[in-house]
C-alpha atoms as a PDB file:
ATOM      1  CA  MET A   1      97.485 118.062 101.780  1.00  0.00           C
ATOM      2  CA  LYS A   2      94.417 117.527 104.082  1.00  0.00           C
ATOM      3  CA  LEU A   3      95.732 117.297 107.504  1.00  0.00           C
ATOM      4  CA  THR A   4      94.452 114.595 109.630  1.00  0.00           C
ATOM      5  CA  GLN A   5      93.598 115.745 113.772  1.00  0.00           C
ATOM      6  CA  GLN A   6      96.613 114.435 115.099  1.00  0.00           C
ATOM      7  CA  ASP A   7      98.512 116.540 112.292  1.00  0.00           C
ATOM      8  CA  MET A   8      97.102 119.950 113.363  1.00  0.00           C
ATOM      9  CA  ALA A   9      97.538 118.998 117.234  1.00  0.00           C
ATOM     10  CA  ARG A  10     101.078 118.756 116.100  1.00  0.00           C
ATOM     11  CA  LEU A  11     101.615 121.892 114.178  1.00  0.00           C
ATOM     12  CA  PHE A  12     100.315 123.971 117.496  1.00  0.00           C
ATOM     13  CA  ASP A  13     101.992 121.694 119.949  1.00  0.00           C
ATOM     14  CA  ILE A  14      98.787 120.761 121.649  1.00  0.00           C
ATOM     15  CA  ASP A  15      97.425 117.599 122.348  1.00  0.00           C
ATOM     16  CA  PRO A  16      95.094 116.180 119.746  1.00  0.00           C
ATOM     17  CA  ARG A  17      92.412 116.132 122.759  1.00  0.00           C
ATOM     18  CA  THR A  18      92.801 119.994 123.206  1.00  0.00           C
ATOM     19  CA  LEU A  19      91.551 120.350 120.087  1.00  0.00           C
ATOM     20  CA  ARG A  20      88.595 117.739 120.086  1.00  0.00           C
ATOM     21  CA  ASN A  21      87.910 119.730 123.233  1.00  0.00           C
ATOM     22  CA  TRP A  22      88.265 123.251 121.569  1.00  0.00           C
ATOM     23  CA  ARG A  23      85.688 122.428 118.328  1.00  0.00           C
ATOM     24  CA  LYS A  24      83.016 120.959 121.367  1.00  0.00           C
ATOM     25  CA  ASP A  25      83.951 123.806 123.792  1.00  0.00           C
ATOM     26  CA  LYS A  26      85.121 126.802 121.687  1.00  0.00           C
ATOM     27  CA  PRO A  27      83.693 126.333 117.988  1.00  0.00           C
ATOM     28  CA  TYR A  28      84.460 129.931 117.295  1.00  0.00           C
ATOM     29  CA  LEU A  29      88.018 129.558 117.563  1.00  0.00           C
ATOM     30  CA  TYR A  30      88.393 126.559 115.780  1.00  0.00           C
ATOM     31  CA  GLU A  31      86.572 127.668 113.139  1.00  0.00           C
ATOM     32  CA  ILE A  32      89.522 130.428 113.286  1.00  0.00           C
ATOM     33  CA  ILE A  33      92.118 127.510 113.530  1.00  0.00           C
ATOM     34  CA  MET A  34      90.186 125.510 110.782  1.00  0.00           C
ATOM     35  CA  LYS A  35      89.956 128.167 108.163  1.00  0.00           C
ATOM     36  CA  GLY A  36      93.709 129.963 108.588  1.00  0.00           C
ATOM     37  CA  ILE A  37      94.905 125.986 107.662  1.00  0.00           C
ATOM     38  CA  ALA A  38      92.588 125.867 104.877  1.00  0.00           C
ATOM     39  CA  PHE A  39      94.161 129.274 103.908  1.00  0.00           C
ATOM     40  CA  ASP A  40      97.101 127.920 103.832  1.00  0.00           C
ATOM     41  CA  GLU A  41      96.558 125.273 102.048  1.00  0.00           C
ATOM     42  CA  ILE A  42      94.648 126.890  99.220  1.00  0.00           C
ATOM     43  CA  VAL A  43      98.557 129.627  99.153  1.00  0.00           C
ATOM     44  CA  GLU A  44     100.266 126.468  98.567  1.00  0.00           C
ATOM     45  CA  ALA A  45      98.247 125.049  96.196  1.00  0.00           C
ATOM     46  CA  GLN A  46      98.806 128.351  94.302  1.00  0.00           C
ATOM     47  CA  LYS A  47     101.945 129.008  95.128  1.00  0.00           C
ATOM     48  CA  GLU A  48     102.113 124.717  93.384  1.00  0.00           C
ATOM     49  CA  SER A  49     100.580 126.247  90.010  1.00  0.00           C
ATOM     50  CA  TYR A  50     102.424 129.444  89.593  1.00  0.00           C
ATOM     51  CA  LYS A  51     105.326 127.087  89.705  1.00  0.00           C
ATOM     52  CA  LYS A  52     103.914 124.876  86.818  1.00  0.00           C
ATOM     53  CA  ALA A  53     103.276 127.923  85.094  1.00  0.00           C
ATOM     54  CA  LYS A  54     106.313 129.421  85.221  1.00  0.00           C
ATOM     55  CA  GLU A  55     108.108 126.113  84.176  1.00  0.00           C
ATOM     56  CA  LEU A  56     105.934 125.977  81.155  1.00  0.00           C
ATOM     57  CA  LYS A  57     106.023 129.486  80.367  1.00  0.00           C
ATOM     58  CA  GLU A  58     109.926 129.314  80.405  1.00  0.00           C
ATOM     59  CA  LYS A  59     109.933 125.757  78.351  1.00  0.00           C
ATOM     60  CA  PHE A  60     107.781 126.918  75.552  1.00  0.00           C
ATOM     61  CA  GLU A  61     109.661 130.059  75.179  1.00  0.00           C
ATOM     62  CA  ALA A  62     113.002 128.219  74.940  1.00  0.00           C
ATOM     63  CA  LYS A  63     111.253 126.586  71.826  1.00  0.00           C
ATOM     64  CA  LYS A  64     110.674 129.656  69.945  1.00  0.00           C
ATOM     65  CA  PRO A  65     112.100 130.127  66.528  1.00  0.00           C
ATOM     66  CA  ASN A  66     114.671 133.116  66.624  1.00  0.00           C
END
């Protein structure tokens, strides 16, 4: 899920202007924040992928003949 600047500001409980100011005035801080958000998105995607793979495995294990 792609977060908007508004979403990110809400996530950090800050005004969206603060986030824009960080992007302009504190690029290193902004970069760290963006990398953290990207990492969280990757982790969530991997959790979903794992869940689907596990469901698929269970589905095919249930169909194995004895």
